[in-house]
Structure formats: C-alpha cells, structure tokens
Amino acid sequence: MNRIEKIVWDLAQPVVEQADLELWDVEYVTEGGQRYLRLYLDGPDGVDLDACERVSRAMDPILDEADPVPDSYIFEVSSAGCERALKRPSDFERFLGSNVEVKLYSAADGAKQWVGTLLAYEDGDVTIDSGGERRFEKKQIASVRLRMEM
C-alpha cells in the first residue's frame, strides 16, 4: 500500500464502519493516462449501489479537506466483488478452502495462470490444490483472486 492509499484508508475506515460495511481495499492507480482513487467495500449482505453512493458522498468533503492526492483523479466506490483480489494475510485466512486464480510474473511448468483450492498462505507464499499441491513463492506471484465457478 502506497502513502496515498494508506492516508485514504485511514480517512475512509470510520466512514465505512459507520455505514456498517467493511473497507476491503483502497487503490490509487493510473490507467490510460488518468488517475483513479478507488474504495472497495464489502458487507455481510453484500454491497449495493445505494451503499456505494452513501460512502462516496460522505467521503467527498473529507477528501476535499484532507487533499491527500496531489493530482486530479476520478473517485470511485464499489463492491469488492465476488472475484476480489486477496492481498492481506487476513484475506487469505478468511478464504482458505476457496477457489482462487493465481497469476504469475513468469510461467511455471508452462503456465502463468493457475486455478485451484487455496490450501495455505505463509509469509506471502501461496499453496493451492490444482490437481496436486502447488506452492508459489511470493516473488513469483503477480496476483491472487477468488474465482467463481459457473
């Protein structure tokens, strides 16, 4: 988490908790030459558009006052989604036994993408069952996301 994301996390956390939701992630990225500041939310009954709008409206004056982002940006608030990224140790603990997709920086055994059941997470290393147990080191992993099977 970069400095801006950390500041925004700290600003957003009480607002999101007051809405009886969970702050899943904060993302500050550049895409197509445009900067985006995104809040991803979760809740016991999911997150609907009204909840996102309430949090967005509550955050607008807070972000204007704190001014944590030096450049212009687009602010978005959305659900973390059913195929959310797992980043923190607590994310991995919460979803042990779930189906995940692991994307690697470089191919391992001819593939850069692996799908399987999340078996373990230890110091950034991820172990899945993908027709056999496979362990990926933290330095190999580009991302890990939940994966919904249809």
Protein backbone atom coordinates (compact mmCIF):
# COMPACT_ATOMS: atom_id res chain seq x y z
CA MET A 1 0.00 0.00 0.00
CA ASN A 2 1.49 3.32 -1.02
CA ARG A 3 1.40 6.52 1.05
CA ILE A 4 -1.72 7.95 -0.60
CA GLU A 5 -3.61 4.66 -0.23
CA LYS A 6 -2.67 4.49 3.47
CA ILE A 7 -3.84 8.05 4.13
CA VAL A 8 -7.13 7.45 2.29
CA TRP A 9 -7.60 4.11 4.12
CA ASP A 10 -7.30 5.91 7.45
CA LEU A 11 -9.76 8.61 6.32
CA ALA A 12 -12.26 6.12 4.88
CA GLN A 13 -12.22 3.47 7.61
CA PRO A 14 -14.51 5.29 10.09
CA VAL A 15 -16.90 6.38 7.31
CA VAL A 16 -17.21 2.82 6.01
CA GLU A 17 -17.63 1.37 9.51
CA GLN A 18 -20.37 3.91 10.23
CA ALA A 19 -22.18 2.56 7.17
CA ASP A 20 -21.92 -0.97 8.70
CA LEU A 21 -19.60 -2.06 5.91
CA GLU A 22 -16.02 -3.29 5.66
CA LEU A 23 -13.29 -1.43 3.79
CA TRP A 24 -11.80 -4.16 1.62
CA ASP A 25 -9.18 -2.17 -0.30
CA VAL A 26 -8.02 1.27 -1.40
CA GLU A 27 -6.41 1.63 -4.79
CA TYR A 28 -4.68 4.64 -6.35
CA VAL A 29 -3.66 3.81 -9.91
CA THR A 30 -3.05 5.33 -13.33
CA GLU A 31 -4.95 3.78 -16.23
CA GLY A 32 -4.92 5.18 -19.73
CA GLY A 33 -3.22 8.35 -18.53
CA GLN A 34 -5.96 9.05 -15.96
CA ARG A 35 -5.56 8.67 -12.18
CA TYR A 36 -8.18 6.75 -10.19
CA LEU A 37 -8.75 6.61 -6.46
CA ARG A 38 -10.96 3.63 -5.63
CA LEU A 39 -12.53 2.31 -2.46
CA TYR A 40 -13.66 -1.32 -2.48
CA LEU A 41 -16.31 -2.27 0.08
CA ASP A 42 -17.73 -5.48 1.49
CA GLY A 43 -20.65 -6.17 3.78
CA PRO A 44 -22.42 -9.08 5.43
CA ASP A 45 -25.26 -8.84 2.90
CA GLY A 46 -23.10 -7.60 0.02
CA VAL A 47 -22.81 -4.03 -1.20
CA ASP A 48 -25.41 -2.30 -3.33
CA LEU A 49 -25.30 0.90 -5.37
CA ASP A 50 -27.01 2.91 -2.60
CA ALA A 51 -24.31 1.92 -0.09
CA CYS A 52 -21.57 2.93 -2.53
CA GLU A 53 -23.27 6.25 -3.16
CA ARG A 54 -23.65 6.96 0.59
CA VAL A 55 -19.96 6.27 1.22
CA SER A 56 -18.94 8.30 -1.82
CA ARG A 57 -21.00 11.32 -0.72
CA ALA A 58 -19.65 11.07 2.84
CA MET A 59 -16.06 10.83 1.60
CA ASP A 60 -16.18 13.77 -0.84
CA PRO A 61 -15.85 16.55 1.77
CA ILE A 62 -13.31 14.53 3.76
CA LEU A 63 -11.09 14.08 0.70
CA ASP A 64 -11.54 17.75 -0.25
CA GLU A 65 -10.44 18.83 3.23
CA ALA A 66 -7.52 16.40 3.65
CA ASP A 67 -6.43 16.73 0.00
CA PRO A 68 -4.26 13.56 0.09
CA VAL A 69 -3.93 13.31 -3.70
CA PRO A 70 -1.74 15.97 -5.33
CA ASP A 71 -3.12 15.46 -8.85
CA SER A 72 -6.59 15.40 -10.33
CA TYR A 73 -8.26 12.00 -10.16
CA ILE A 74 -11.52 10.13 -10.62
CA PHE A 75 -13.00 8.86 -7.35
CA GLU A 76 -14.89 5.55 -7.43
CA VAL A 77 -16.55 3.49 -4.70
CA SER A 78 -17.63 -0.07 -5.47
CA SER A 79 -18.16 -3.55 -4.14
CA ALA A 80 -15.06 -5.70 -3.74
CA GLY A 81 -16.89 -8.18 -5.99
CA CYS A 82 -17.14 -11.94 -5.88
CA GLU A 83 -13.79 -12.36 -7.70
CA ARG A 84 -11.92 -9.94 -5.45
CA ALA A 85 -8.17 -9.74 -5.10
CA LEU A 86 -6.65 -11.28 -1.98
CA LYS A 87 -3.81 -9.13 -0.64
CA ARG A 88 -3.54 -9.18 3.15
CA PRO A 89 -2.83 -12.27 5.28
CA SER A 90 -6.32 -11.90 6.77
CA ASP A 91 -7.83 -12.12 3.26
CA PHE A 92 -6.09 -15.44 2.66
CA GLU A 93 -7.07 -16.79 6.09
CA ARG A 94 -10.70 -15.83 5.51
CA PHE A 95 -10.86 -17.64 2.17
CA LEU A 96 -8.88 -20.83 2.90
CA GLY A 97 -10.64 -23.65 1.06
CA SER A 98 -11.98 -21.30 -1.62
CA ASN A 99 -11.31 -21.50 -5.33
CA VAL A 100 -8.64 -18.99 -6.44
CA GLU A 101 -6.77 -17.91 -9.54
CA VAL A 102 -3.04 -17.29 -9.12
CA LYS A 103 -1.33 -15.20 -11.80
CA LEU A 104 2.44 -15.37 -12.01
CA TYR A 105 5.02 -12.96 -13.39
CA SER A 106 6.72 -15.81 -15.28
CA ALA A 107 5.44 -19.19 -16.37
CA ALA A 108 5.81 -22.16 -14.03
CA ASP A 109 5.58 -25.52 -15.79
CA GLY A 110 4.41 -23.72 -18.93
CA ALA A 111 1.61 -21.65 -17.37
CA LYS A 112 1.37 -18.13 -15.92
CA GLN A 113 -2.13 -18.71 -14.56
CA TRP A 114 -3.16 -21.42 -12.09
CA VAL A 115 -6.59 -22.22 -10.67
CA GLY A 116 -7.19 -24.33 -7.59
CA THR A 117 -8.33 -24.53 -4.00
CA LEU A 118 -6.46 -22.27 -1.59
CA LEU A 119 -4.74 -24.57 0.89
CA ALA A 120 -2.25 -22.30 2.68
CA TYR A 121 -0.71 -18.86 2.91
CA GLU A 122 2.59 -18.33 4.69
CA ASP A 123 4.75 -15.19 4.53
CA GLY A 124 3.43 -14.35 1.07
CA ASP A 125 3.79 -17.88 -0.33
CA VAL A 126 0.57 -19.45 -1.60
CA THR A 127 -0.26 -23.15 -1.80
CA ILE A 128 -3.17 -24.40 -3.90
CA ASP A 129 -4.58 -27.77 -4.89
CA SER A 130 -4.68 -27.78 -8.67
CA GLY A 131 -4.93 -31.49 -9.37
CA GLY A 132 -1.99 -31.76 -6.98
CA GLU A 133 -0.47 -29.46 -4.41
CA ARG A 134 1.44 -26.48 -5.85
CA ARG A 135 3.31 -23.85 -3.84
CA PHE A 136 4.15 -20.46 -5.32
CA GLU A 137 6.67 -18.14 -3.71
CA LYS A 138 5.72 -14.53 -3.04
CA LYS A 139 8.25 -13.26 -5.61
CA GLN A 140 6.54 -15.33 -8.35
CA ILE A 141 3.00 -14.08 -7.68
CA ALA A 142 1.54 -11.15 -9.61
CA SER A 143 -1.95 -11.53 -8.10
CA VAL A 144 -4.34 -13.90 -6.36
CA ARG A 145 -8.12 -13.54 -6.84
CA LEU A 146 -11.15 -15.50 -5.77
CA ARG A 147 -12.59 -17.42 -8.67
CA MET A 148 -16.24 -18.27 -9.04
CA GLU A 149 -17.11 -21.45 -10.89
CA MET A 150 -20.20 -21.42 -13.08
